[in-house]
Each structure stands twice: as structure tokens, then as C-alpha cells.
Amino acid sequence: MPDAAPILAFEELDSTNAEARRRAEAGEAGPLWIIAARQTAGRGRRGRAWETGVGNLAATHLFTTARAPGEAARISFVAALAVADLAAAYISPTLITLKWPNDTMIAGRKTAGILVESGPAGGGLWVAVGIGVNLATEPGDAERPATALARHMSAAPPGPTEALEVLARAFAAWRAVWEGCGFAPIAEAWTARAHGLGERCVARLPAETIEGVAEGLDATGALRLRTDDGAIRLITAGDVFF
């Protein structure tokens, strides 16, 4: 298995993604992980706040790549598989599913989120993969039903540092698959864990709302949605509700 990247630990940060951005813009190339016990301004997708409760994981993986931005963004599926492996190290894998584009679910409730950001770095990109996992507690005012790993364990949940060590190893292994074999095996592994395939859903996009049946990923990671008229729409950005 590939070696995991080194870890930088902080007691408090505004957000681990913000720290990754600062380091990248100062010339840090990575790969490295940044973890914080507390975040004062944690962020999720689409500008949402992300609450990091005590005992939960807030971490960001920073690396550089020569891939184009659209291709590099598929790292979110690599991260989702790594989070699923983290959860499966402590609870039954049958409880764990992945919801497009990058939510990890336990028993149908959100337990983790992923935020990918990037910027120019020499002739390529720096990429920051922010990962938040509810290890001990879930937020009380979450937009969608949420849960924590602890609610599905008979023992105490792992601490953030232990969890990150498991996550980092899984991330390194899945990234090696992506780098060596392309996106197809990542898409296949993600689909095997997918939440809601074959079910009706609503996709809320920036300019419209679409209803249909989720049929899986295309070769780029877009969600294939079959609408009531039989057409296939490719969803590349937005929120999906089952």
C-alpha cells in the first residue's frame, strides 16, 4: 500500500481548507494533510457552514497535479471511497453508502462531507480536499438528517488523529488506483456503494430543478439522470435529493 502523506496538526484554525490555500499560495506543494481540533469558520459545499463538533474530524489533503481542473475535481470520488473505508473500519459496511456527488451516508443519514478547491501552481494546480467526518456527534441543526459514527458503534468512536491515519492510508491507496488505472475503477467502486441508484430523485441545479431516476455515473463522474420523457441528463453540479 502506498505511504500516506505527512500530517500537520493544529489545535485551532479558521478552516483546514483555508490553511491549505494559504500554504499552497505560499509555494507549498505537498502532499500533506492538515488537521484541526477546532475550526472557527468551517465550510462545506456551495458556501455552506460546516460545524465541527468536539471529537469530530476536520482535515484537508493538499497536493499538486498536472491534471486539468475538471479532471482533477474527480479526486472527490477518491476521497469518498476513502471515507467509506474509514467508516467500514469501525462499523458494518452494509450501513455505508455514497450519495452523489460526495456525501458519505450511514443508515441513510449524512455523516461526512467533502469540499474540493484548487488554484494555479506553476504549470499545474494545487488541490485541497477538505473532509469532515462526524465521528462522535452530529450537528443539531443540519439541513438534512445527519448521524455520527458513534451512534452505530458499541465501543467509543476513534479520535480524530486515529481516524485521519486510517483515512490517509485509504486515500493513498485509492489515489494510486486512479493514477495507475484511470477513473473507470474509481467509478466502479463508487457505484458499488452508491446511494439511491434506480430511485427517483430531484436535482436542484443553479438555474432549474429536474426530476428523474438516478442511473449512475458517466465517464467523467457526472450523474446520469433519466427524466420522465426518457431523456438522459448529465448532472455535473447541484444538490440531489432522494
Protein backbone atom coordinates (compact mmCIF):
# COMPACT_ATOMS: atom_id res chain seq x y z
CA MET A 1 0.00 0.00 0.00
CA PRO A 2 1.35 3.50 -0.79
CA ASP A 3 2.62 5.54 2.13
CA ALA A 4 0.25 8.19 3.45
CA ALA A 5 1.34 11.84 3.31
CA PRO A 6 2.65 13.57 6.46
CA ILE A 7 0.19 15.20 8.86
CA LEU A 8 0.30 18.76 10.28
CA ALA A 9 -1.87 19.09 13.40
CA PHE A 10 -3.34 22.31 14.83
CA GLU A 11 -5.47 22.96 17.89
CA GLU A 12 -7.48 25.64 16.05
CA LEU A 13 -7.81 27.02 12.53
CA ASP A 14 -10.38 29.09 10.71
CA SER A 15 -10.65 26.12 8.35
CA THR A 16 -8.27 23.43 7.21
CA ASN A 17 -9.05 24.27 3.58
CA ALA A 18 -8.19 27.91 4.20
CA GLU A 19 -4.87 26.86 5.73
CA ALA A 20 -4.20 24.62 2.74
CA ARG A 21 -4.89 27.54 0.39
CA ARG A 22 -2.53 29.82 2.30
CA ARG A 23 0.23 27.25 2.19
CA ALA A 24 -0.33 26.48 -1.49
CA GLU A 25 -0.25 30.16 -2.43
CA ALA A 26 3.00 30.48 -0.46
CA GLY A 27 4.53 27.69 -2.56
CA GLU A 28 3.81 24.53 -0.55
CA ALA A 29 3.38 21.63 -2.99
CA GLY A 30 2.51 18.79 -0.63
CA PRO A 31 1.39 16.16 -0.44
CA LEU A 32 0.40 16.69 3.17
CA TRP A 33 -2.60 16.51 5.48
CA ILE A 34 -3.77 19.36 7.72
CA ILE A 35 -5.96 18.56 10.73
CA ALA A 36 -7.51 20.89 13.31
CA ALA A 37 -9.17 20.03 16.61
CA ARG A 38 -11.40 23.10 16.16
CA GLN A 39 -12.49 25.13 13.15
CA THR A 40 -13.87 28.62 13.68
CA ALA A 41 -15.10 29.03 10.09
CA GLY A 42 -15.50 25.55 8.64
CA ARG A 43 -17.03 25.42 5.17
CA GLY A 44 -18.96 22.92 3.11
CA ARG A 45 -20.07 22.85 -0.50
CA ARG A 46 -21.80 25.84 -2.09
CA GLY A 47 -20.67 28.20 0.68
CA ARG A 48 -22.48 26.40 3.49
CA ALA A 49 -21.08 26.45 7.01
CA TRP A 50 -19.70 23.15 8.31
CA GLU A 51 -19.93 22.52 12.04
CA THR A 52 -17.05 20.53 13.52
CA GLY A 53 -18.17 19.26 16.91
CA VAL A 54 -15.77 18.12 19.62
CA GLY A 55 -14.24 14.78 18.75
CA ASN A 56 -15.05 15.01 15.04
CA LEU A 57 -12.61 15.01 12.13
CA ALA A 58 -11.77 18.15 10.17
CA ALA A 59 -8.88 17.61 7.75
CA THR A 60 -7.62 18.68 4.33
CA HIS A 61 -5.28 16.93 1.94
CA LEU A 62 -3.10 19.29 -0.12
CA PHE A 63 -1.26 18.18 -3.24
CA THR A 64 -0.27 19.46 -6.67
CA THR A 65 -1.10 17.94 -10.04
CA ALA A 66 -0.62 18.48 -13.74
CA ARG A 67 -4.22 17.40 -14.46
CA ALA A 68 -6.72 19.86 -15.91
CA PRO A 69 -9.16 21.34 -13.36
CA GLY A 70 -12.17 19.27 -14.48
CA GLU A 71 -10.20 16.06 -14.31
CA ALA A 72 -8.56 16.96 -11.01
CA ALA A 73 -12.00 17.55 -9.47
CA ARG A 74 -12.69 13.80 -9.74
CA ILE A 75 -10.46 13.43 -6.68
CA SER A 76 -13.72 13.93 -4.75
CA PHE A 77 -14.73 10.36 -5.70
CA VAL A 78 -11.35 9.09 -4.48
CA ALA A 79 -11.96 10.91 -1.21
CA ALA A 80 -15.48 9.49 -0.89
CA LEU A 81 -14.16 5.95 -1.24
CA ALA A 82 -11.52 6.65 1.40
CA VAL A 83 -14.14 7.97 3.82
CA ALA A 84 -16.25 4.87 3.19
CA ASP A 85 -13.22 2.73 4.04
CA LEU A 86 -12.69 4.75 7.21
CA ALA A 87 -16.26 4.13 8.31
CA ALA A 88 -16.04 0.45 7.37
CA ALA A 89 -13.07 0.04 9.69
CA TYR A 90 -15.42 0.61 12.63
CA ILE A 91 -18.97 -0.32 11.57
CA SER A 92 -20.70 -2.75 9.22
CA PRO A 93 -20.01 -1.90 5.56
CA THR A 94 -23.66 -2.70 4.82
CA LEU A 95 -24.64 0.55 6.59
CA ILE A 96 -22.41 2.74 4.40
CA THR A 97 -23.43 4.32 1.11
CA LEU A 98 -22.16 7.20 -1.04
CA LYS A 99 -24.52 9.87 -2.33
CA TRP A 100 -23.64 11.91 -5.39
CA PRO A 101 -21.60 13.99 -5.57
CA ASN A 102 -19.60 13.38 -2.40
CA ASP A 103 -21.62 12.65 0.75
CA THR A 104 -20.96 9.58 2.89
CA MET A 105 -24.13 8.15 4.43
CA ILE A 106 -24.59 5.79 7.36
CA ALA A 107 -28.00 4.14 7.54
CA GLY A 108 -29.26 6.74 5.08
CA ARG A 109 -28.07 9.76 7.08
CA LYS A 110 -25.20 12.08 6.18
CA THR A 111 -22.08 11.55 8.24
CA ALA A 112 -19.35 13.19 6.15
CA GLY A 113 -18.83 15.84 3.52
CA ILE A 114 -16.08 16.71 1.06
CA LEU A 115 -15.05 20.10 -0.33
CA VAL A 116 -12.53 20.28 -3.19
CA GLU A 117 -10.84 23.59 -4.02
CA SER A 118 -7.94 24.37 -6.34
CA GLY A 119 -5.79 27.10 -7.84
CA PRO A 120 -2.80 27.63 -10.14
CA ALA A 121 0.57 26.27 -9.06
CA GLY A 122 3.37 26.76 -11.57
CA GLY A 123 2.30 24.90 -14.67
CA GLY A 124 -0.34 22.88 -12.83
CA LEU A 125 -2.78 23.06 -9.94
CA TRP A 126 -2.75 22.88 -6.21
CA VAL A 127 -5.71 20.89 -4.93
CA ALA A 128 -7.18 20.97 -1.42
CA VAL A 129 -9.51 18.12 -0.49
CA GLY A 130 -11.37 19.07 2.68
CA ILE A 131 -13.03 16.21 4.57
CA GLY A 132 -15.29 16.50 7.58
CA VAL A 133 -16.49 13.35 9.35
CA ASN A 134 -18.94 13.14 12.26
CA LEU A 135 -17.07 10.70 14.48
CA ALA A 136 -18.55 11.48 17.90
CA THR A 137 -21.52 13.78 17.31
CA GLU A 138 -23.70 15.13 14.52
CA PRO A 139 -24.85 18.77 14.19
CA GLY A 140 -28.17 19.50 15.82
CA ASP A 141 -29.44 21.83 13.10
CA ALA A 142 -28.29 20.04 9.96
CA GLU A 143 -30.10 20.83 6.71
CA ARG A 144 -30.51 17.10 6.08
CA PRO A 145 -30.79 14.15 8.51
CA ALA A 146 -27.32 13.51 9.94
CA THR A 147 -25.64 10.93 12.10
CA ALA A 148 -22.25 10.15 13.64
CA LEU A 149 -20.09 7.05 13.63
CA ALA A 150 -20.51 6.74 17.39
CA ARG A 151 -24.24 6.07 17.06
CA HIS A 152 -23.50 2.84 15.20
CA MET A 153 -20.70 1.53 17.46
CA SER A 154 -20.79 -0.36 20.74
CA ALA A 155 -17.33 0.97 21.65
CA ALA A 156 -16.08 4.55 21.73
CA PRO A 157 -15.50 6.08 18.29
CA PRO A 158 -11.98 6.74 17.06
CA GLY A 159 -10.43 10.08 17.88
CA PRO A 160 -9.69 12.50 15.05
CA THR A 161 -5.99 11.63 14.82
CA GLU A 162 -6.62 7.88 14.71
CA ALA A 163 -9.38 8.39 12.15
CA LEU A 164 -7.14 10.54 9.95
CA GLU A 165 -4.42 7.91 9.96
CA VAL A 166 -6.93 5.33 8.68
CA LEU A 167 -8.36 7.82 6.18
CA ALA A 168 -4.95 8.88 4.87
CA ARG A 169 -3.91 5.29 4.15
CA ALA A 170 -7.17 4.57 2.34
CA PHE A 171 -6.89 7.83 0.38
CA ALA A 172 -3.34 6.99 -0.72
CA ALA A 173 -4.44 3.53 -1.87
CA TRP A 174 -7.42 4.80 -3.91
CA ARG A 175 -5.40 7.63 -5.39
CA ALA A 176 -2.81 5.09 -6.53
CA VAL A 177 -5.61 3.19 -8.31
CA TRP A 178 -6.75 6.41 -10.01
CA GLU A 179 -3.23 7.38 -11.05
CA GLY A 180 -2.35 3.90 -12.28
CA CYS A 181 -5.62 2.70 -13.83
CA GLY A 182 -7.66 5.82 -14.60
CA PHE A 183 -11.09 6.86 -13.39
CA ALA A 184 -13.02 3.74 -14.50
CA PRO A 185 -12.18 1.57 -11.45
CA ILE A 186 -12.91 4.52 -9.15
CA ALA A 187 -16.32 4.97 -10.78
CA GLU A 188 -16.99 1.24 -10.50
CA ALA A 189 -16.07 1.12 -6.80
CA TRP A 190 -18.12 4.26 -6.10
CA THR A 191 -21.14 2.84 -7.94
CA ALA A 192 -20.95 -0.38 -5.89
CA ARG A 193 -21.53 1.76 -2.79
CA ALA A 194 -23.92 4.27 -4.36
CA HIS A 195 -26.97 5.57 -2.52
CA GLY A 196 -30.22 5.80 -4.45
CA LEU A 197 -29.34 4.29 -7.83
CA GLY A 198 -32.52 3.25 -9.61
CA GLU A 199 -34.59 5.54 -7.38
CA ARG A 200 -36.43 8.75 -8.19
CA CYS A 201 -34.70 11.93 -7.12
CA VAL A 202 -34.79 15.69 -7.50
CA ALA A 203 -31.70 17.51 -8.78
CA ARG A 204 -31.62 21.17 -7.81
CA LEU A 205 -29.33 22.99 -10.21
CA PRO A 206 -28.34 26.67 -10.22
CA ALA A 207 -30.96 27.56 -12.86
CA GLU A 208 -33.50 24.71 -12.77
CA THR A 209 -34.88 21.73 -10.88
CA ILE A 210 -35.03 18.34 -12.60
CA GLU A 211 -36.79 15.13 -11.52
CA GLY A 212 -35.95 11.65 -12.70
CA VAL A 213 -34.30 8.34 -11.88
CA ALA A 214 -30.61 8.19 -10.94
CA GLU A 215 -28.82 5.71 -13.20
CA GLY A 216 -25.18 6.08 -12.17
CA LEU A 217 -22.02 7.88 -13.23
CA ASP A 218 -20.77 8.69 -16.70
CA ALA A 219 -17.08 8.53 -17.59
CA THR A 220 -16.43 11.99 -16.12
CA GLY A 221 -18.23 11.50 -12.80
CA ALA A 222 -21.44 13.30 -13.80
CA LEU A 223 -24.69 11.77 -12.54
CA ARG A 224 -26.86 10.20 -15.25
CA LEU A 225 -30.46 11.18 -14.59
CA ARG A 226 -33.25 9.68 -16.73
CA THR A 227 -36.16 12.12 -16.92
CA ASP A 228 -39.81 11.16 -17.36
CA ASP A 229 -39.61 11.65 -21.12
CA GLY A 230 -36.84 9.05 -21.34
CA ALA A 231 -34.02 11.51 -21.97
CA ILE A 232 -30.71 11.32 -20.10
CA ARG A 233 -29.50 14.47 -18.37
CA LEU A 234 -25.95 14.67 -17.10
CA ILE A 235 -25.79 16.44 -13.75
CA THR A 236 -22.37 17.97 -13.20
CA ALA A 237 -23.13 20.35 -10.31
CA GLY A 238 -26.01 20.74 -7.89
CA ASP A 239 -27.78 19.04 -4.99
CA VAL A 240 -29.60 15.75 -5.33
CA PHE A 241 -32.43 14.69 -3.02
CA PHE A 242 -33.88 11.16 -2.86
